[in-house]
Amino acid sequence: MRKTLSILMLFMAMGMTLSMTSCRETKEDKAEEAIEDVKDGLEEAGDDIEDAAEDVGDKIEDAADDVEDEIEKATDTIS
């Protein structure tokens, strides 16, 4: 009877130990995944900002070209 009880207690202790270990791993895995998600989000946001800055730069260049064309037209009509 004592051996059976000892073996049962051993299995229960092993089960509790394994369940705590797997919970820790699960929490660590979730934390690592969350960190990766944040990194991916930041990279994506950085790419979006870079694209927006390029678009603004292109629009400024287009506007400068339009102003230059208008100035040329105005000076041509004066001459």
PDB file of N, CA and C in Angstrom:
ATOM      1  N   MET A   1       0.819  -1.184   0.000  1.00  0.00           N
ATOM      2  CA  MET A   1       0.000   0.000   0.000  1.00  0.00           C
ATOM      3  C   MET A   1       0.874   1.264   0.000  1.00  0.00           C
ATOM      4  N   ARG A   2       1.953   1.222   0.780  1.00  0.00           N
ATOM      5  CA  ARG A   2       2.834   2.377   0.851  1.00  0.00           C
ATOM      6  C   ARG A   2       3.524   2.629  -0.484  1.00  0.00           C
ATOM      7  N   LYS A   3       3.932   1.580  -1.154  1.00  0.00           N
ATOM      8  CA  LYS A   3       4.580   1.741  -2.452  1.00  0.00           C
ATOM      9  C   LYS A   3       3.615   2.353  -3.452  1.00  0.00           C
ATOM     10  N   THR A   4       2.377   1.908  -3.442  1.00  0.00           N
ATOM     11  CA  THR A   4       1.373   2.444  -4.350  1.00  0.00           C
ATOM     12  C   THR A   4       1.133   3.920  -4.068  1.00  0.00           C
ATOM     13  N   LEU A   5       1.024   4.254  -2.790  1.00  0.00           N
ATOM     14  CA  LEU A   5       0.818   5.644  -2.396  1.00  0.00           C
ATOM     15  C   LEU A   5       2.039   6.490  -2.775  1.00  0.00           C
ATOM     16  N   SER A   6       3.230   5.963  -2.580  1.00  0.00           N
ATOM     17  CA  SER A   6       4.455   6.692  -2.929  1.00  0.00           C
ATOM     18  C   SER A   6       4.546   6.918  -4.432  1.00  0.00           C
ATOM     19  N   ILE A   7       4.214   5.893  -5.190  1.00  0.00           N
ATOM     20  CA  ILE A   7       4.251   6.020  -6.645  1.00  0.00           C
ATOM     21  C   ILE A   7       3.198   7.027  -7.117  1.00  0.00           C
ATOM     22  N   LEU A   8       2.017   6.965  -6.516  1.00  0.00           N
ATOM     23  CA  LEU A   8       0.958   7.913  -6.866  1.00  0.00           C
ATOM     24  C   LEU A   8       1.394   9.341  -6.555  1.00  0.00           C
ATOM     25  N   MET A   9       2.000   9.555  -5.400  1.00  0.00           N
ATOM     26  CA  MET A   9       2.482  10.891  -5.028  1.00  0.00           C
ATOM     27  C   MET A   9       3.590  11.350  -5.980  1.00  0.00           C
ATOM     28  N   LEU A  10       4.448  10.424  -6.385  1.00  0.00           N
ATOM     29  CA  LEU A  10       5.517  10.750  -7.317  1.00  0.00           C
ATOM     30  C   LEU A  10       4.948  11.211  -8.652  1.00  0.00           C
ATOM     31  N   PHE A  11       3.953  10.475  -9.157  1.00  0.00           N
ATOM     32  CA  PHE A  11       3.321  10.858 -10.418  1.00  0.00           C
ATOM     33  C   PHE A  11       2.612  12.207 -10.304  1.00  0.00           C
ATOM     34  N   MET A  12       1.970  12.445  -9.184  1.00  0.00           N
ATOM     35  CA  MET A  12       1.290  13.737  -8.991  1.00  0.00           C
ATOM     36  C   MET A  12       2.303  14.875  -8.964  1.00  0.00           C
ATOM     37  N   ALA A  13       3.421  14.659  -8.273  1.00  0.00           N
ATOM     38  CA  ALA A  13       4.461  15.688  -8.206  1.00  0.00           C
ATOM     39  C   ALA A  13       5.060  15.938  -9.586  1.00  0.00           C
ATOM     40  N   MET A  14       5.296  14.877 -10.337  1.00  0.00           N
ATOM     41  CA  MET A  14       5.823  15.035 -11.690  1.00  0.00           C
ATOM     42  C   MET A  14       4.834  15.787 -12.574  1.00  0.00           C
ATOM     43  N   GLY A  15       3.563  15.442 -12.454  1.00  0.00           N
ATOM     44  CA  GLY A  15       2.541  16.128 -13.245  1.00  0.00           C
ATOM     45  C   GLY A  15       2.472  17.607 -12.941  1.00  0.00           C
ATOM     46  N   MET A  16       2.533  17.954 -11.664  1.00  0.00           N
ATOM     47  CA  MET A  16       2.493  19.370 -11.284  1.00  0.00           C
ATOM     48  C   MET A  16       3.729  20.103 -11.789  1.00  0.00           C
ATOM     49  N   THR A  17       4.884  19.458 -11.686  1.00  0.00           N
ATOM     50  CA  THR A  17       6.124  20.083 -12.160  1.00  0.00           C
ATOM     51  C   THR A  17       6.069  20.308 -13.664  1.00  0.00           C
ATOM     52  N   LEU A  18       5.635  19.314 -14.394  1.00  0.00           N
ATOM     53  CA  LEU A  18       5.551  19.454 -15.852  1.00  0.00           C
ATOM     54  C   LEU A  18       4.528  20.499 -16.251  1.00  0.00           C
ATOM     55  N   SER A  19       3.418  20.586 -15.534  1.00  0.00           N
ATOM     56  CA  SER A  19       2.404  21.575 -15.890  1.00  0.00           C
ATOM     57  C   SER A  19       2.921  22.985 -15.635  1.00  0.00           C
ATOM     58  N   MET A  20       3.693  23.186 -14.563  1.00  0.00           N
ATOM     59  CA  MET A  20       4.241  24.515 -14.299  1.00  0.00           C
ATOM     60  C   MET A  20       5.279  24.881 -15.346  1.00  0.00           C
ATOM     61  N   THR A  21       6.085  23.919 -15.734  1.00  0.00           N
ATOM     62  CA  THR A  21       7.106  24.174 -16.744  1.00  0.00           C
ATOM     63  C   THR A  21       6.459  24.537 -18.071  1.00  0.00           C
ATOM     64  N   SER A  22       5.446  23.808 -18.467  1.00  0.00           N
ATOM     65  CA  SER A  22       4.808  24.100 -19.749  1.00  0.00           C
ATOM     66  C   SER A  22       4.065  25.430 -19.697  1.00  0.00           C
ATOM     67  N   CYS A  23       3.552  25.814 -18.545  1.00  0.00           N
ATOM     68  CA  CYS A  23       2.904  27.125 -18.422  1.00  0.00           C
ATOM     69  C   CYS A  23       3.934  28.235 -18.593  1.00  0.00           C
ATOM     70  N   ARG A  24       5.090  28.054 -17.993  1.00  0.00           N
ATOM     71  CA  ARG A  24       6.136  29.064 -18.139  1.00  0.00           C
ATOM     72  C   ARG A  24       6.564  29.185 -19.590  1.00  0.00           C
ATOM     73  N   GLU A  25       6.749  28.062 -20.230  1.00  0.00           N
ATOM     74  CA  GLU A  25       7.153  28.097 -21.631  1.00  0.00           C
ATOM     75  C   GLU A  25       6.081  28.771 -22.469  1.00  0.00           C
ATOM     76  N   THR A  26       4.836  28.483 -22.162  1.00  0.00           N
ATOM     77  CA  THR A  26       3.749  29.093 -22.912  1.00  0.00           C
ATOM     78  C   THR A  26       3.759  30.605 -22.711  1.00  0.00           C
ATOM     79  N   LYS A  27       3.951  31.057 -21.482  1.00  0.00           N
ATOM     80  CA  LYS A  27       3.987  32.497 -21.221  1.00  0.00           C
ATOM     81  C   LYS A  27       5.186  33.127 -21.905  1.00  0.00           C
ATOM     82  N   GLU A  28       6.324  32.446 -21.862  1.00  0.00           N
ATOM     83  CA  GLU A  28       7.509  32.970 -22.528  1.00  0.00           C
ATOM     84  C   GLU A  28       7.299  33.025 -24.037  1.00  0.00           C
ATOM     85  N   ASP A  29       6.689  31.994 -24.588  1.00  0.00           N
ATOM     86  CA  ASP A  29       6.409  31.979 -26.028  1.00  0.00           C
ATOM     87  C   ASP A  29       5.475  33.116 -26.403  1.00  0.00           C
ATOM     88  N   LYS A  30       4.450  33.327 -25.589  1.00  0.00           N
ATOM     89  CA  LYS A  30       3.507  34.411 -25.873  1.00  0.00           C
ATOM     90  C   LYS A  30       4.198  35.763 -25.786  1.00  0.00           C
ATOM     91  N   ALA A  31       5.075  35.929 -24.807  1.00  0.00           N
ATOM     92  CA  ALA A  31       5.808  37.190 -24.670  1.00  0.00           C
ATOM     93  C   ALA A  31       6.716  37.416 -25.874  1.00  0.00           C
ATOM     94  N   GLU A  32       7.407  36.374 -26.306  1.00  0.00           N
ATOM     95  CA  GLU A  32       8.282  36.505 -27.472  1.00  0.00           C
ATOM     96  C   GLU A  32       7.476  36.833 -28.722  1.00  0.00           C
ATOM     97  N   GLU A  33       6.328  36.189 -28.879  1.00  0.00           N
ATOM     98  CA  GLU A  33       5.479  36.486 -30.035  1.00  0.00           C
ATOM     99  C   GLU A  33       4.975  37.921 -29.984  1.00  0.00           C
ATOM    100  N   ALA A  34       4.619  38.393 -28.790  1.00  0.00           N
ATOM    101  CA  ALA A  34       4.150  39.774 -28.660  1.00  0.00           C
ATOM    102  C   ALA A  34       5.262  40.751 -29.012  1.00  0.00           C
ATOM    103  N   ILE A  35       6.476  40.465 -28.586  1.00  0.00           N
ATOM    104  CA  ILE A  35       7.608  41.331 -28.908  1.00  0.00           C
ATOM    105  C   ILE A  35       7.847  41.350 -30.413  1.00  0.00           C
ATOM    106  N   GLU A  36       7.773  40.196 -31.043  1.00  0.00           N
ATOM    107  CA  GLU A  36       7.939  40.130 -32.501  1.00  0.00           C
ATOM    108  C   GLU A  36       6.835  40.909 -33.213  1.00  0.00           C
ATOM    109  N   ASP A  37       5.602  40.806 -32.700  1.00  0.00           N
ATOM    110  CA  ASP A  37       4.498  41.557 -33.303  1.00  0.00           C
ATOM    111  C   ASP A  37       4.741  43.055 -33.205  1.00  0.00           C
ATOM    112  N   VAL A  38       5.250  43.499 -32.054  1.00  0.00           N
ATOM    113  CA  VAL A  38       5.536  44.925 -31.878  1.00  0.00           C
ATOM    114  C   VAL A  38       6.647  45.359 -32.828  1.00  0.00           C
ATOM    115  N   LYS A  39       7.696  44.535 -32.937  1.00  0.00           N
ATOM    116  CA  LYS A  39       8.789  44.860 -33.861  1.00  0.00           C
ATOM    117  C   LYS A  39       8.276  44.962 -35.295  1.00  0.00           C
ATOM    118  N   ASP A  40       7.446  43.995 -35.691  1.00  0.00           N
ATOM    119  CA  ASP A  40       6.894  44.017 -37.046  1.00  0.00           C
ATOM    120  C   ASP A  40       6.041  45.263 -37.265  1.00  0.00           C
ATOM    121  N   GLY A  41       5.246  45.604 -36.255  1.00  0.00           N
ATOM    122  CA  GLY A  41       4.409  46.800 -36.359  1.00  0.00           C
ATOM    123  C   GLY A  41       5.238  48.057 -36.495  1.00  0.00           C
ATOM    124  N   LEU A  42       6.325  48.147 -35.726  1.00  0.00           N
ATOM    125  CA  LEU A  42       7.193  49.320 -35.808  1.00  0.00           C
ATOM    126  C   LEU A  42       7.880  49.406 -37.160  1.00  0.00           C
ATOM    127  N   GLU A  43       8.326  48.272 -37.678  1.00  0.00           N
ATOM    128  CA  GLU A  43       8.946  48.283 -39.004  1.00  0.00           C
ATOM    129  C   GLU A  43       7.956  48.708 -40.066  1.00  0.00           C
ATOM    130  N   GLU A  44       6.737  48.216 -39.962  1.00  0.00           N
ATOM    131  CA  GLU A  44       5.707  48.578 -40.931  1.00  0.00           C
ATOM    132  C   GLU A  44       5.385  50.065 -40.837  1.00  0.00           C
ATOM    133  N   ALA A  45       5.291  50.581 -39.614  1.00  0.00           N
ATOM    134  CA  ALA A  45       5.020  52.006 -39.433  1.00  0.00           C
ATOM    135  C   ALA A  45       6.163  52.843 -39.997  1.00  0.00           C
ATOM    136  N   GLY A  46       7.399  52.389 -39.784  1.00  0.00           N
ATOM    137  CA  GLY A  46       8.554  53.097 -40.335  1.00  0.00           C
ATOM    138  C   GLY A  46       8.521  53.116 -41.851  1.00  0.00           C
ATOM    139  N   ASP A  47       8.139  51.999 -42.454  1.00  0.00           N
ATOM    140  CA  ASP A  47       8.020  51.939 -43.917  1.00  0.00           C
ATOM    141  C   ASP A  47       6.938  52.894 -44.413  1.00  0.00           C
ATOM    142  N   ASP A  48       5.817  52.938 -43.689  1.00  0.00           N
ATOM    143  CA  ASP A  48       4.728  53.836 -44.081  1.00  0.00           C
ATOM    144  C   ASP A  48       5.166  55.296 -43.990  1.00  0.00           C
ATOM    145  N   ILE A  49       5.910  55.627 -42.942  1.00  0.00           N
ATOM    146  CA  ILE A  49       6.393  57.004 -42.782  1.00  0.00           C
ATOM    147  C   ILE A  49       7.369  57.350 -43.905  1.00  0.00           C
ATOM    148  N   GLU A  50       8.239  56.408 -44.230  1.00  0.00           N
ATOM    149  CA  GLU A  50       9.197  56.637 -45.311  1.00  0.00           C
ATOM    150  C   GLU A  50       8.472  56.855 -46.642  1.00  0.00           C
ATOM    151  N   ASP A  51       7.461  56.043 -46.920  1.00  0.00           N
ATOM    152  CA  ASP A  51       6.681  56.198 -48.147  1.00  0.00           C
ATOM    153  C   ASP A  51       5.968  57.543 -48.178  1.00  0.00           C
ATOM    154  N   ALA A  52       5.413  57.941 -47.048  1.00  0.00           N
ATOM    155  CA  ALA A  52       4.711  59.227 -46.981  1.00  0.00           C
ATOM    156  C   ALA A  52       5.688  60.375 -47.212  1.00  0.00           C
ATOM    157  N   ALA A  53       6.875  60.280 -46.641  1.00  0.00           N
ATOM    158  CA  ALA A  53       7.879  61.334 -46.833  1.00  0.00           C
ATOM    159  C   ALA A  53       8.291  61.419 -48.301  1.00  0.00           C
ATOM    160  N   GLU A  54       8.435  60.286 -48.948  1.00  0.00           N
ATOM    161  CA  GLU A  54       8.771  60.290 -50.373  1.00  0.00           C
ATOM    162  C   GLU A  54       7.647  60.915 -51.194  1.00  0.00           C
ATOM    163  N   ASP A  55       6.403  60.601 -50.846  1.00  0.00           N
ATOM    164  CA  ASP A  55       5.267  61.194 -51.551  1.00  0.00           C
ATOM    165  C   ASP A  55       5.243  62.706 -51.387  1.00  0.00           C
ATOM    166  N   VAL A  56       5.504  63.182 -50.174  1.00  0.00           N
ATOM    167  CA  VAL A  56       5.532  64.629 -49.931  1.00  0.00           C
ATOM    168  C   VAL A  56       6.659  65.268 -50.730  1.00  0.00           C
ATOM    169  N   GLY A  57       7.816  64.619 -50.742  1.00  0.00           N
ATOM    170  CA  GLY A  57       8.941  65.150 -51.523  1.00  0.00           C
ATOM    171  C   GLY A  57       8.607  65.224 -53.003  1.00  0.00           C
ATOM    172  N   ASP A  58       7.951  64.189 -53.530  1.00  0.00           N
ATOM    173  CA  ASP A  58       7.547  64.198 -54.944  1.00  0.00           C
ATOM    174  C   ASP A  58       6.564  65.319 -55.228  1.00  0.00           C
ATOM    175  N   LYS A  59       5.617  65.536 -54.338  1.00  0.00           N
ATOM    176  CA  LYS A  59       4.626  66.597 -54.544  1.00  0.00           C
ATOM    177  C   LYS A  59       5.274  67.974 -54.486  1.00  0.00           C
ATOM    178  N   ILE A  60       6.250  68.137 -53.601  1.00  0.00           N
ATOM    179  CA  ILE A  60       6.966  69.419 -53.526  1.00  0.00           C
ATOM    180  C   ILE A  60       7.734  69.667 -54.817  1.00  0.00           C
ATOM    181  N   GLU A  61       8.394  68.637 -55.330  1.00  0.00           N
ATOM    182  CA  GLU A  61       9.122  68.785 -56.594  1.00  0.00           C
ATOM    183  C   GLU A  61       8.170  69.126 -57.735  1.00  0.00           C
ATOM    184  N   ASP A  62       7.002  68.459 -57.777  1.00  0.00           N
ATOM    185  CA  ASP A  62       6.014  68.751 -58.819  1.00  0.00           C
ATOM    186  C   ASP A  62       5.518  70.185 -58.716  1.00  0.00           C
ATOM    187  N   ALA A  63       5.271  70.630 -57.477  1.00  0.00           N
ATOM    188  CA  ALA A  63       4.801  72.001 -57.277  1.00  0.00           C
ATOM    189  C   ALA A  63       5.882  73.000 -57.691  1.00  0.00           C
ATOM    190  N   ALA A  64       7.125  72.713 -57.375  1.00  0.00           N
ATOM    191  CA  ALA A  64       8.227  73.606 -57.765  1.00  0.00           C
ATOM    192  C   ALA A  64       8.348  73.663 -59.282  1.00  0.00           C
ATOM    193  N   ASP A  65       8.181  72.514 -59.954  1.00  0.00           N
ATOM    194  CA  ASP A  65       8.224  72.499 -61.416  1.00  0.00           C
ATOM    195  C   ASP A  65       7.076  73.312 -61.995  1.00  0.00           C
ATOM    196  N   ASP A  66       5.894  73.202 -61.403  1.00  0.00           N
ATOM    197  CA  ASP A  66       4.745  73.979 -61.880  1.00  0.00           C
ATOM    198  C   ASP A  66       4.989  75.474 -61.726  1.00  0.00           C
ATOM    199  N   VAL A  67       5.560  75.866 -60.588  1.00  0.00           N
ATOM    200  CA  VAL A  67       5.859  77.287 -60.359  1.00  0.00           C
ATOM    201  C   VAL A  67       6.892  77.765 -61.366  1.00  0.00           C
ATOM    202  N   GLU A  68       7.892  76.961 -61.614  1.00  0.00           N
ATOM    203  CA  GLU A  68       8.926  77.316 -62.576  1.00  0.00           C
ATOM    204  C   GLU A  68       8.326  77.488 -63.973  1.00  0.00           C
ATOM    205  N   ASP A  69       7.424  76.573 -64.348  1.00  0.00           N
ATOM    206  CA  ASP A  69       6.763  76.674 -65.649  1.00  0.00           C
ATOM    207  C   ASP A  69       5.928  77.945 -65.739  1.00  0.00           C
ATOM    208  N   GLU A  70       5.219  78.275 -64.679  1.00  0.00           N
ATOM    209  CA  GLU A  70       4.391  79.491 -64.673  1.00  0.00           C
ATOM    210  C   GLU A  70       5.260  80.743 -64.780  1.00  0.00           C
ATOM    211  N   ILE A  71       6.399  80.732 -64.112  1.00  0.00           N
ATOM    212  CA  ILE A  71       7.309  81.882 -64.184  1.00  0.00           C
ATOM    213  C   ILE A  71       7.846  82.028 -65.605  1.00  0.00           C
ATOM    214  N   GLU A  72       8.199  80.908 -66.225  1.00  0.00           N
ATOM    215  CA  GLU A  72       8.685  80.961 -67.610  1.00  0.00           C
ATOM    216  C   GLU A  72       7.604  81.488 -68.543  1.00  0.00           C
ATOM    217  N   LYS A  73       6.380  81.046 -68.365  1.00  0.00           N
ATOM    218  CA  LYS A  73       5.274  81.525 -69.207  1.00  0.00           C
ATOM    219  C   LYS A  73       5.062  83.017 -69.012  1.00  0.00           C
ATOM    220  N   ALA A  74       5.149  83.459 -67.753  1.00  0.00           N
ATOM    221  CA  ALA A  74       4.931  84.876 -67.469  1.00  0.00           C
ATOM    222  C   ALA A  74       6.042  85.724 -68.058  1.00  0.00           C
ATOM    223  N   THR A  75       7.264  85.250 -67.998  1.00  0.00           N
ATOM    224  CA  THR A  75       8.372  86.039 -68.556  1.00  0.00           C
ATOM    225  C   THR A  75       8.352  86.010 -70.062  1.00  0.00           C
ATOM    226  N   ASP A  76       7.832  84.925 -70.667  1.00  0.00           N
ATOM    227  CA  ASP A  76       7.734  84.855 -72.124  1.00  0.00           C
ATOM    228  C   ASP A  76       6.694  85.837 -72.638  1.00  0.00           C
ATOM    229  N   THR A  77       5.611  85.986 -71.938  1.00  0.00           N
ATOM    230  CA  THR A  77       4.563  86.901 -72.394  1.00  0.00           C
ATOM    231  C   THR A  77       4.980  88.345 -72.210  1.00  0.00           C
ATOM    232  N   ILE A  78       5.871  88.614 -71.257  1.00  0.00           N
ATOM    233  CA  ILE A  78       6.346  90.003 -71.035  1.00  0.00           C
ATOM    234  C   ILE A  78       7.320  90.394 -72.145  1.00  0.00           C
ATOM    235  N   SER A  79       8.110  89.456 -72.621  1.00  0.00           N
ATOM    236  CA  SER A  79       9.142  89.761 -73.607  1.00  0.00           C
ATOM    237  C   SER A  79       8.582  90.037 -74.926  1.00  0.00           C
TER     238      SER A  79
END
